[in-house]
């Protein structure tokens, strides 16, 4: 996404794309239904904790570690193999995201660096916590799109940062989708870009006030919709066409809606005493 020559609020224009307003309204209704559930008045902390666990599982699945929820719940050691490390990284990011909300609007690049540092915890690598430089490889095998060079990464990250700091009248869904899509398109770090992008999406959705208690995990929805649909929608974002951008934003909207549905089911289970 280029902001060169853009209007003062380029994100707002995306809200007018075909299908986006309907997606925004559908997401708002889905989120409101969860927040209106009677169980949220007494046990919202439990719903938040469960949403965090399920969101981390979903994000890890999209990065190649598709574990059953009960396996994620049961395990305590996440250092045994590559998949375990991916799940561990997703869990750490989900926990860390909530601690970074107050910093995001002032210094999004600092937050992204911190997210990567947390995701890559334990790696003895000078590339951890900073954008990649020319010639440095990227370990993101599940995203096969062309890789922008370091100069483009730097420029677009700075543009994204300026958009976040300036603020926008765009709906939270639009901003979250752009942050998510831009980070996946750029893959600014040497590893864990998908996990970081989805954690950043969560920060926007929570910090915007759309989902202040973080109970509607979009990561669950992205995983449920499937990796093939996820990557196809991402290609639309990378294309930069109105149709492609609309397809990506509405895909993200479906993911948030499915996350809301998941937490509604959690609420129902708590109400029945089954969870």
C-alpha atoms as a PDB file:
ATOM      1  CA  UNK A   1       0.000   0.000   0.000  1.00  0.00           C
ATOM      2  CA  UNK A   2       1.564   3.257  -1.099  1.00  0.00           C
ATOM      3  CA  UNK A   3       0.651   6.550   0.547  1.00  0.00           C
ATOM      4  CA  UNK A   4       2.465   8.685  -2.005  1.00  0.00           C
ATOM      5  CA  UNK A   5       0.141  11.387  -3.270  1.00  0.00           C
ATOM      6  CA  UNK A   6      -2.633  10.046  -1.091  1.00  0.00           C
ATOM      7  CA  UNK A   7      -5.293  12.106   0.614  1.00  0.00           C
ATOM      8  CA  UNK A   8      -4.861  13.234   4.205  1.00  0.00           C
ATOM      9  CA  UNK A   9      -6.790  10.165   5.340  1.00  0.00           C
ATOM     10  CA  UNK A  10      -6.164   7.424   2.766  1.00  0.00           C
ATOM     11  CA  UNK A  11      -7.564   4.696   5.011  1.00  0.00           C
ATOM     12  CA  UNK A  12     -10.950   6.389   5.092  1.00  0.00           C
ATOM     13  CA  UNK A  13     -11.258   6.032   1.324  1.00  0.00           C
ATOM     14  CA  UNK A  14     -10.963   2.265   1.694  1.00  0.00           C
ATOM     15  CA  UNK A  15     -14.119   2.248   3.767  1.00  0.00           C
ATOM     16  CA  UNK A  16     -16.051   3.311   0.674  1.00  0.00           C
ATOM     17  CA  UNK A  17     -14.955   0.335  -1.421  1.00  0.00           C
ATOM     18  CA  UNK A  18     -17.713  -2.042  -2.539  1.00  0.00           C
ATOM     19  CA  UNK A  19     -18.721  -4.455   0.202  1.00  0.00           C
ATOM     20  CA  UNK A  20     -16.589  -2.876   2.914  1.00  0.00           C
ATOM     21  CA  UNK A  21     -19.340  -0.892   4.652  1.00  0.00           C
ATOM     22  CA  UNK A  22     -21.494  -4.021   4.785  1.00  0.00           C
ATOM     23  CA  UNK A  23     -18.596  -5.999   6.245  1.00  0.00           C
ATOM     24  CA  UNK A  24     -17.957  -3.316   8.861  1.00  0.00           C
ATOM     25  CA  UNK A  25     -21.620  -3.354   9.887  1.00  0.00           C
ATOM     26  CA  UNK A  26     -21.710  -7.156  10.041  1.00  0.00           C
ATOM     27  CA  UNK A  27     -18.619  -7.206  12.254  1.00  0.00           C
ATOM     28  CA  UNK A  28     -20.050  -4.571  14.578  1.00  0.00           C
ATOM     29  CA  UNK A  29     -23.264  -6.554  15.032  1.00  0.00           C
ATOM     30  CA  UNK A  30     -21.347  -9.788  15.660  1.00  0.00           C
ATOM     31  CA  UNK A  31     -19.103  -8.136  18.252  1.00  0.00           C
ATOM     32  CA  UNK A  32     -22.048  -6.424  19.942  1.00  0.00           C
ATOM     33  CA  UNK A  33     -23.835  -9.773  20.271  1.00  0.00           C
ATOM     34  CA  UNK A  34     -20.930 -11.261  22.204  1.00  0.00           C
ATOM     35  CA  UNK A  35     -20.589  -8.241  24.465  1.00  0.00           C
ATOM     36  CA  UNK A  36     -24.314  -8.350  25.126  1.00  0.00           C
ATOM     37  CA  UNK A  37     -24.230 -11.971  26.283  1.00  0.00           C
ATOM     38  CA  UNK A  38     -25.300 -12.291  29.907  1.00  0.00           C
ATOM     39  CA  UNK A  39     -22.167 -14.308  30.799  1.00  0.00           C
ATOM     40  CA  UNK A  40     -20.009 -11.275  29.955  1.00  0.00           C
ATOM     41  CA  UNK A  41     -21.371  -9.411  32.971  1.00  0.00           C
ATOM     42  CA  UNK A  42     -19.862 -11.905  35.391  1.00  0.00           C
ATOM     43  CA  UNK A  43     -17.151 -13.901  33.670  1.00  0.00           C
ATOM     44  CA  UNK A  44     -15.642 -11.720  30.979  1.00  0.00           C
ATOM     45  CA  UNK A  45     -12.111 -12.436  32.194  1.00  0.00           C
ATOM     46  CA  UNK A  46     -12.623 -16.137  31.531  1.00  0.00           C
ATOM     47  CA  UNK A  47     -13.912 -15.411  28.039  1.00  0.00           C
ATOM     48  CA  UNK A  48     -10.908 -13.176  27.369  1.00  0.00           C
ATOM     49  CA  UNK A  49      -8.481 -15.867  28.522  1.00  0.00           C
ATOM     50  CA  UNK A  50     -10.135 -18.502  26.390  1.00  0.00           C
ATOM     51  CA  UNK A  51     -10.206 -16.189  23.375  1.00  0.00           C
ATOM     52  CA  UNK A  52      -6.478 -15.549  23.806  1.00  0.00           C
ATOM     53  CA  UNK A  53      -5.712 -19.256  23.846  1.00  0.00           C
ATOM     54  CA  UNK A  54      -7.878 -19.979  20.817  1.00  0.00           C
ATOM     55  CA  UNK A  55      -6.498 -16.989  18.951  1.00  0.00           C
ATOM     56  CA  UNK A  56      -2.920 -18.117  19.544  1.00  0.00           C
ATOM     57  CA  UNK A  57      -3.793 -21.606  18.349  1.00  0.00           C
ATOM     58  CA  UNK A  58      -5.342 -20.178  15.185  1.00  0.00           C
ATOM     59  CA  UNK A  59      -2.376 -17.937  14.435  1.00  0.00           C
ATOM     60  CA  UNK A  60       0.056 -20.812  14.941  1.00  0.00           C
ATOM     61  CA  UNK A  61      -2.022 -22.988  12.601  1.00  0.00           C
ATOM     62  CA  UNK A  62      -1.672 -20.401   9.836  1.00  0.00           C
ATOM     63  CA  UNK A  63       2.093 -20.476  10.386  1.00  0.00           C
ATOM     64  CA  UNK A  64       2.250 -24.248   9.957  1.00  0.00           C
ATOM     65  CA  UNK A  65       1.684 -25.563  13.486  1.00  0.00           C
ATOM     66  CA  UNK A  66      -1.922 -26.750  13.342  1.00  0.00           C
ATOM     67  CA  UNK A  67      -2.314 -28.265  16.794  1.00  0.00           C
ATOM     68  CA  UNK A  68      -5.560 -29.286  18.445  1.00  0.00           C
ATOM     69  CA  UNK A  69      -6.753 -26.802  21.046  1.00  0.00           C
ATOM     70  CA  UNK A  70      -6.452 -29.334  23.843  1.00  0.00           C
ATOM     71  CA  UNK A  71      -2.840 -30.018  22.888  1.00  0.00           C
ATOM     72  CA  UNK A  72      -2.049 -26.300  23.176  1.00  0.00           C
ATOM     73  CA  UNK A  73      -3.871 -26.216  26.500  1.00  0.00           C
ATOM     74  CA  UNK A  74      -2.052 -29.275  27.833  1.00  0.00           C
ATOM     75  CA  UNK A  75       1.516 -28.489  26.820  1.00  0.00           C
ATOM     76  CA  UNK A  76       3.971 -26.608  29.005  1.00  0.00           C
ATOM     77  CA  UNK A  77       7.137 -27.051  26.942  1.00  0.00           C
ATOM     78  CA  UNK A  78       7.203 -25.227  23.624  1.00  0.00           C
ATOM     79  CA  UNK A  79      10.863 -25.652  22.757  1.00  0.00           C
ATOM     80  CA  UNK A  80      10.981 -29.234  21.528  1.00  0.00           C
ATOM     81  CA  UNK A  81      10.686 -28.776  17.756  1.00  0.00           C
ATOM     82  CA  UNK A  82       9.820 -26.196  15.108  1.00  0.00           C
ATOM     83  CA  UNK A  83       6.046 -26.557  15.489  1.00  0.00           C
ATOM     84  CA  UNK A  84       6.249 -26.298  19.265  1.00  0.00           C
ATOM     85  CA  UNK A  85       8.321 -23.146  18.952  1.00  0.00           C
ATOM     86  CA  UNK A  86       5.747 -21.612  16.593  1.00  0.00           C
ATOM     87  CA  UNK A  87       2.944 -22.343  19.065  1.00  0.00           C
ATOM     88  CA  UNK A  88       5.029 -20.935  21.907  1.00  0.00           C
ATOM     89  CA  UNK A  89       5.705 -17.780  19.906  1.00  0.00           C
ATOM     90  CA  UNK A  90       1.993 -17.344  19.169  1.00  0.00           C
ATOM     91  CA  UNK A  91       1.129 -17.700  22.857  1.00  0.00           C
ATOM     92  CA  UNK A  92       3.783 -15.187  23.884  1.00  0.00           C
ATOM     93  CA  UNK A  93       2.592 -12.676  21.300  1.00  0.00           C
ATOM     94  CA  UNK A  94      -1.007 -12.964  22.397  1.00  0.00           C
ATOM     95  CA  UNK A  95       0.023 -12.252  25.983  1.00  0.00           C
ATOM     96  CA  UNK A  96       2.329  -9.397  24.979  1.00  0.00           C
ATOM     97  CA  UNK A  97      -0.124  -7.633  22.656  1.00  0.00           C
ATOM     98  CA  UNK A  98      -2.265  -6.448  25.541  1.00  0.00           C
ATOM     99  CA  UNK A  99       0.741  -4.778  27.156  1.00  0.00           C
ATOM    100  CA  UNK A 100       1.496  -2.662  24.093  1.00  0.00           C
ATOM    101  CA  UNK A 101      -1.826  -0.948  23.462  1.00  0.00           C
ATOM    102  CA  UNK A 102      -0.801   2.364  25.009  1.00  0.00           C
ATOM    103  CA  UNK A 103       2.388   2.526  22.918  1.00  0.00           C
ATOM    104  CA  UNK A 104       0.881   1.602  19.551  1.00  0.00           C
ATOM    105  CA  UNK A 105      -0.640   4.976  18.622  1.00  0.00           C
ATOM    106  CA  UNK A 106       2.546   6.859  19.570  1.00  0.00           C
ATOM    107  CA  UNK A 107       5.186   4.469  18.266  1.00  0.00           C
ATOM    108  CA  UNK A 108       3.924   1.592  16.113  1.00  0.00           C
ATOM    109  CA  UNK A 109       7.410   0.729  14.846  1.00  0.00           C
ATOM    110  CA  UNK A 110       8.596   0.286  18.410  1.00  0.00           C
ATOM    111  CA  UNK A 111       5.678  -2.047  19.037  1.00  0.00           C
ATOM    112  CA  UNK A 112       6.434  -4.096  15.918  1.00  0.00           C
ATOM    113  CA  UNK A 113      10.077  -4.437  16.973  1.00  0.00           C
ATOM    114  CA  UNK A 114       8.949  -5.600  20.409  1.00  0.00           C
ATOM    115  CA  UNK A 115       6.513  -8.114  18.927  1.00  0.00           C
ATOM    116  CA  UNK A 116       9.255  -9.640  16.815  1.00  0.00           C
ATOM    117  CA  UNK A 117      11.608  -9.745  19.789  1.00  0.00           C
ATOM    118  CA  UNK A 118       8.968 -11.620  21.784  1.00  0.00           C
ATOM    119  CA  UNK A 119       8.143 -13.993  18.926  1.00  0.00           C
ATOM    120  CA  UNK A 120      11.798 -14.832  18.291  1.00  0.00           C
ATOM    121  CA  UNK A 121      12.655 -15.120  21.984  1.00  0.00           C
ATOM    122  CA  UNK A 122      15.681 -17.315  22.547  1.00  0.00           C
ATOM    123  CA  UNK A 123      17.185 -16.799  19.109  1.00  0.00           C
ATOM    124  CA  UNK A 124      20.796 -15.692  19.165  1.00  0.00           C
ATOM    125  CA  UNK A 125      20.442 -13.567  16.060  1.00  0.00           C
ATOM    126  CA  UNK A 126      21.354  -9.927  15.485  1.00  0.00           C
ATOM    127  CA  UNK A 127      18.360  -9.594  13.142  1.00  0.00           C
ATOM    128  CA  UNK A 128      15.821 -10.102  15.917  1.00  0.00           C
ATOM    129  CA  UNK A 129      13.752  -7.017  16.649  1.00  0.00           C
ATOM    130  CA  UNK A 130      14.744  -4.976  13.598  1.00  0.00           C
ATOM    131  CA  UNK A 131      13.648  -4.801   9.948  1.00  0.00           C
ATOM    132  CA  UNK A 132      15.717  -6.851   7.562  1.00  0.00           C
ATOM    133  CA  UNK A 133      18.511  -5.382   5.489  1.00  0.00           C
ATOM    134  CA  UNK A 134      19.462  -6.062   1.873  1.00  0.00           C
ATOM    135  CA  UNK A 135      20.541  -9.641   1.292  1.00  0.00           C
ATOM    136  CA  UNK A 136      19.129 -11.000   4.541  1.00  0.00           C
ATOM    137  CA  UNK A 137      16.870 -14.041   4.091  1.00  0.00           C
ATOM    138  CA  UNK A 138      13.277 -14.296   5.273  1.00  0.00           C
ATOM    139  CA  UNK A 139      11.977 -17.505   6.818  1.00  0.00           C
ATOM    140  CA  UNK A 140       8.292 -17.290   5.853  1.00  0.00           C
ATOM    141  CA  UNK A 141       7.726 -20.311   3.594  1.00  0.00           C
ATOM    142  CA  UNK A 142       3.934 -20.204   3.686  1.00  0.00           C
ATOM    143  CA  UNK A 143       3.796 -16.777   2.002  1.00  0.00           C
ATOM    144  CA  UNK A 144       5.212 -17.095  -1.501  1.00  0.00           C
ATOM    145  CA  UNK A 145       4.591 -13.574  -2.771  1.00  0.00           C
ATOM    146  CA  UNK A 146       7.463 -11.500  -4.189  1.00  0.00           C
ATOM    147  CA  UNK A 147       9.593 -10.045  -1.418  1.00  0.00           C
ATOM    148  CA  UNK A 148      10.047  -6.249  -1.385  1.00  0.00           C
ATOM    149  CA  UNK A 149      13.626  -5.041  -0.980  1.00  0.00           C
ATOM    150  CA  UNK A 150      14.884  -3.436   2.223  1.00  0.00           C
ATOM    151  CA  UNK A 151      14.483   0.128   0.953  1.00  0.00           C
ATOM    152  CA  UNK A 152      10.833  -0.455   0.067  1.00  0.00           C
ATOM    153  CA  UNK A 153      10.242  -2.141   3.412  1.00  0.00           C
ATOM    154  CA  UNK A 154      11.720   0.823   5.263  1.00  0.00           C
ATOM    155  CA  UNK A 155       9.703   3.379   3.307  1.00  0.00           C
ATOM    156  CA  UNK A 156       6.408   1.554   3.604  1.00  0.00           C
ATOM    157  CA  UNK A 157       6.873   0.839   7.311  1.00  0.00           C
ATOM    158  CA  UNK A 158       7.472   4.524   7.878  1.00  0.00           C
ATOM    159  CA  UNK A 159       4.365   5.360   5.836  1.00  0.00           C
ATOM    160  CA  UNK A 160       2.292   2.888   7.837  1.00  0.00           C
ATOM    161  CA  UNK A 161       3.631   4.330  11.077  1.00  0.00           C
ATOM    162  CA  UNK A 162       2.691   7.858  10.007  1.00  0.00           C
ATOM    163  CA  UNK A 163      -0.848   6.724   9.175  1.00  0.00           C
ATOM    164  CA  UNK A 164      -1.290   5.139  12.607  1.00  0.00           C
ATOM    165  CA  UNK A 165       0.126   8.137  14.472  1.00  0.00           C
ATOM    166  CA  UNK A 166      -1.972  10.613  12.470  1.00  0.00           C
ATOM    167  CA  UNK A 167      -5.127   8.627  13.145  1.00  0.00           C
ATOM    168  CA  UNK A 168      -7.980   7.971  10.762  1.00  0.00           C
ATOM    169  CA  UNK A 169     -11.724   8.179  10.547  1.00  0.00           C
ATOM    170  CA  UNK A 170     -11.707   4.738   8.909  1.00  0.00           C
ATOM    171  CA  UNK A 171     -13.508   1.923  10.735  1.00  0.00           C
ATOM    172  CA  UNK A 172     -11.329  -0.222  12.980  1.00  0.00           C
ATOM    173  CA  UNK A 173     -11.772  -3.198  10.654  1.00  0.00           C
ATOM    174  CA  UNK A 174     -10.248  -1.262   7.755  1.00  0.00           C
ATOM    175  CA  UNK A 175      -7.243  -0.084   9.760  1.00  0.00           C
ATOM    176  CA  UNK A 176      -6.661  -3.546  11.232  1.00  0.00           C
ATOM    177  CA  UNK A 177      -6.866  -5.185   7.804  1.00  0.00           C
ATOM    178  CA  UNK A 178      -4.388  -2.717   6.302  1.00  0.00           C
ATOM    179  CA  UNK A 179      -1.899  -3.168   9.144  1.00  0.00           C
ATOM    180  CA  UNK A 180      -2.203  -6.945   8.854  1.00  0.00           C
ATOM    181  CA  UNK A 181      -1.963  -6.977   5.059  1.00  0.00           C
ATOM    182  CA  UNK A 182       0.915  -4.520   4.864  1.00  0.00           C
ATOM    183  CA  UNK A 183       3.034  -6.485   7.328  1.00  0.00           C
ATOM    184  CA  UNK A 184       2.394  -9.743   5.505  1.00  0.00           C
ATOM    185  CA  UNK A 185       3.141  -8.152   2.150  1.00  0.00           C
ATOM    186  CA  UNK A 186       6.393  -6.618   3.392  1.00  0.00           C
ATOM    187  CA  UNK A 187       7.578  -9.433   5.681  1.00  0.00           C
ATOM    188  CA  UNK A 188       9.863  -6.880   7.342  1.00  0.00           C
ATOM    189  CA  UNK A 189      11.559  -9.308   9.720  1.00  0.00           C
ATOM    190  CA  UNK A 190      13.696 -12.351   9.127  1.00  0.00           C
ATOM    191  CA  UNK A 191      11.092 -14.655  10.696  1.00  0.00           C
ATOM    192  CA  UNK A 192       7.672 -14.819  12.382  1.00  0.00           C
ATOM    193  CA  UNK A 193       6.113 -12.174  10.131  1.00  0.00           C
ATOM    194  CA  UNK A 194       2.726 -13.874   9.971  1.00  0.00           C
ATOM    195  CA  UNK A 195       2.510 -14.167  13.747  1.00  0.00           C
ATOM    196  CA  UNK A 196       3.551 -10.536  14.180  1.00  0.00           C
ATOM    197  CA  UNK A 197       1.064  -9.322  11.545  1.00  0.00           C
ATOM    198  CA  UNK A 198      -1.838 -11.090  13.224  1.00  0.00           C
ATOM    199  CA  UNK A 199      -0.789  -9.812  16.662  1.00  0.00           C
ATOM    200  CA  UNK A 200      -0.713  -6.272  15.247  1.00  0.00           C
ATOM    201  CA  UNK A 201      -4.203  -6.775  13.821  1.00  0.00           C
ATOM    202  CA  UNK A 202      -5.349  -7.775  17.305  1.00  0.00           C
ATOM    203  CA  UNK A 203      -3.786  -4.641  18.813  1.00  0.00           C
ATOM    204  CA  UNK A 204      -5.703  -2.430  16.368  1.00  0.00           C
ATOM    205  CA  UNK A 205      -9.019  -4.174  16.975  1.00  0.00           C
ATOM    206  CA  UNK A 206      -8.632  -3.931  20.740  1.00  0.00           C
ATOM    207  CA  UNK A 207      -7.089  -0.459  20.897  1.00  0.00           C
ATOM    208  CA  UNK A 208      -9.717   1.009  18.579  1.00  0.00           C
ATOM    209  CA  UNK A 209     -12.481   0.102  20.993  1.00  0.00           C
ATOM    210  CA  UNK A 210     -14.140  -2.343  18.620  1.00  0.00           C
ATOM    211  CA  UNK A 211     -13.123  -5.277  20.833  1.00  0.00           C
ATOM    212  CA  UNK A 212     -11.773  -3.687  24.044  1.00  0.00           C
ATOM    213  CA  UNK A 213     -11.808  -6.912  26.070  1.00  0.00           C
ATOM    214  CA  UNK A 214     -10.105  -8.878  23.260  1.00  0.00           C
ATOM    215  CA  UNK A 215     -12.808 -11.533  23.087  1.00  0.00           C
ATOM    216  CA  UNK A 216     -13.254 -11.770  19.298  1.00  0.00           C
ATOM    217  CA  UNK A 217     -10.055 -13.451  18.065  1.00  0.00           C
ATOM    218  CA  UNK A 218      -9.711 -12.812  14.331  1.00  0.00           C
ATOM    219  CA  UNK A 219      -6.959 -15.437  14.261  1.00  0.00           C
ATOM    220  CA  UNK A 220      -9.579 -18.112  14.919  1.00  0.00           C
ATOM    221  CA  UNK A 221     -11.548 -16.937  11.915  1.00  0.00           C
ATOM    222  CA  UNK A 222      -8.510 -16.702   9.650  1.00  0.00           C
ATOM    223  CA  UNK A 223      -7.621 -20.284  10.526  1.00  0.00           C
ATOM    224  CA  UNK A 224     -11.205 -21.492  10.041  1.00  0.00           C
ATOM    225  CA  UNK A 225     -11.431 -19.855   6.620  1.00  0.00           C
ATOM    226  CA  UNK A 226      -8.266 -21.735   5.677  1.00  0.00           C
ATOM    227  CA  UNK A 227      -4.770 -20.942   4.561  1.00  0.00           C
ATOM    228  CA  UNK A 228      -5.637 -21.076   0.850  1.00  0.00           C
ATOM    229  CA  UNK A 229      -8.370 -18.439   1.211  1.00  0.00           C
ATOM    230  CA  UNK A 230      -6.088 -16.375   3.445  1.00  0.00           C
ATOM    231  CA  UNK A 231      -3.301 -16.303   0.885  1.00  0.00           C
ATOM    232  CA  UNK A 232      -5.707 -15.665  -1.997  1.00  0.00           C
ATOM    233  CA  UNK A 233      -7.150 -12.671  -0.154  1.00  0.00           C
ATOM    234  CA  UNK A 234      -3.639 -11.449   0.621  1.00  0.00           C
ATOM    235  CA  UNK A 235      -2.834 -11.524  -3.089  1.00  0.00           C
ATOM    236  CA  UNK A 236      -5.769  -9.167  -3.542  1.00  0.00           C
ATOM    237  CA  UNK A 237      -4.264  -6.785  -1.016  1.00  0.00           C
ATOM    238  CA  UNK A 238      -0.865  -6.912  -2.686  1.00  0.00           C
ATOM    239  CA  UNK A 239      -2.458  -6.187  -6.063  1.00  0.00           C
ATOM    240  CA  UNK A 240      -3.527  -2.787  -4.743  1.00  0.00           C
ATOM    241  CA  UNK A 241      -6.659  -2.803  -6.918  1.00  0.00           C
ATOM    242  CA  UNK A 242      -9.982  -1.665  -5.430  1.00  0.00           C
ATOM    243  CA  UNK A 243     -11.357  -5.171  -5.927  1.00  0.00           C
ATOM    244  CA  UNK A 244      -8.340  -6.764  -4.289  1.00  0.00           C
ATOM    245  CA  UNK A 245      -8.316  -4.392  -1.334  1.00  0.00           C
ATOM    246  CA  UNK A 246     -12.042  -4.888  -0.811  1.00  0.00           C
ATOM    247  CA  UNK A 247     -11.622  -8.663  -0.924  1.00  0.00           C
ATOM    248  CA  UNK A 248      -8.875  -8.541   1.725  1.00  0.00           C
ATOM    249  CA  UNK A 249     -10.796  -6.228   4.060  1.00  0.00           C
ATOM    250  CA  UNK A 250     -13.980  -8.273   3.778  1.00  0.00           C
ATOM    251  CA  UNK A 251     -11.964 -11.462   4.352  1.00  0.00           C
ATOM    252  CA  UNK A 252     -10.621  -9.942   7.569  1.00  0.00           C
ATOM    253  CA  UNK A 253     -14.178  -8.981   8.466  1.00  0.00           C
ATOM    254  CA  UNK A 254     -15.316 -12.577   8.074  1.00  0.00           C
ATOM    255  CA  UNK A 255     -12.435 -13.660  10.315  1.00  0.00           C
ATOM    256  CA  UNK A 256     -13.456 -11.258  13.087  1.00  0.00           C
ATOM    257  CA  UNK A 257     -17.051 -12.409  12.753  1.00  0.00           C
ATOM    258  CA  UNK A 258     -16.012 -16.024  13.123  1.00  0.00           C
ATOM    259  CA  UNK A 259     -13.896 -15.088  16.135  1.00  0.00           C
ATOM    260  CA  UNK A 260     -16.970 -13.472  17.672  1.00  0.00           C
ATOM    261  CA  UNK A 261     -18.974 -16.622  16.960  1.00  0.00           C
ATOM    262  CA  UNK A 262     -16.293 -18.705  18.680  1.00  0.00           C
ATOM    263  CA  UNK A 263     -16.493 -16.594  21.819  1.00  0.00           C
ATOM    264  CA  UNK A 264     -20.275 -16.717  21.749  1.00  0.00           C
ATOM    265  CA  UNK A 265     -19.955 -20.505  21.872  1.00  0.00           C
ATOM    266  CA  UNK A 266     -17.555 -20.143  24.821  1.00  0.00           C
ATOM    267  CA  UNK A 267     -20.126 -17.965  26.595  1.00  0.00           C
ATOM    268  CA  UNK A 268     -22.828 -20.549  25.975  1.00  0.00           C
ATOM    269  CA  UNK A 269     -20.589 -23.310  27.311  1.00  0.00           C
ATOM    270  CA  UNK A 270     -19.810 -21.295  30.462  1.00  0.00           C
ATOM    271  CA  UNK A 271     -23.504 -20.641  30.946  1.00  0.00           C
ATOM    272  CA  UNK A 272     -24.243 -24.351  30.743  1.00  0.00           C
ATOM    273  CA  UNK A 273     -21.383 -25.117  33.123  1.00  0.00           C
ATOM    274  CA  UNK A 274     -19.638 -27.107  30.422  1.00  0.00           C
ATOM    275  CA  UNK A 275     -16.435 -25.010  30.348  1.00  0.00           C
END
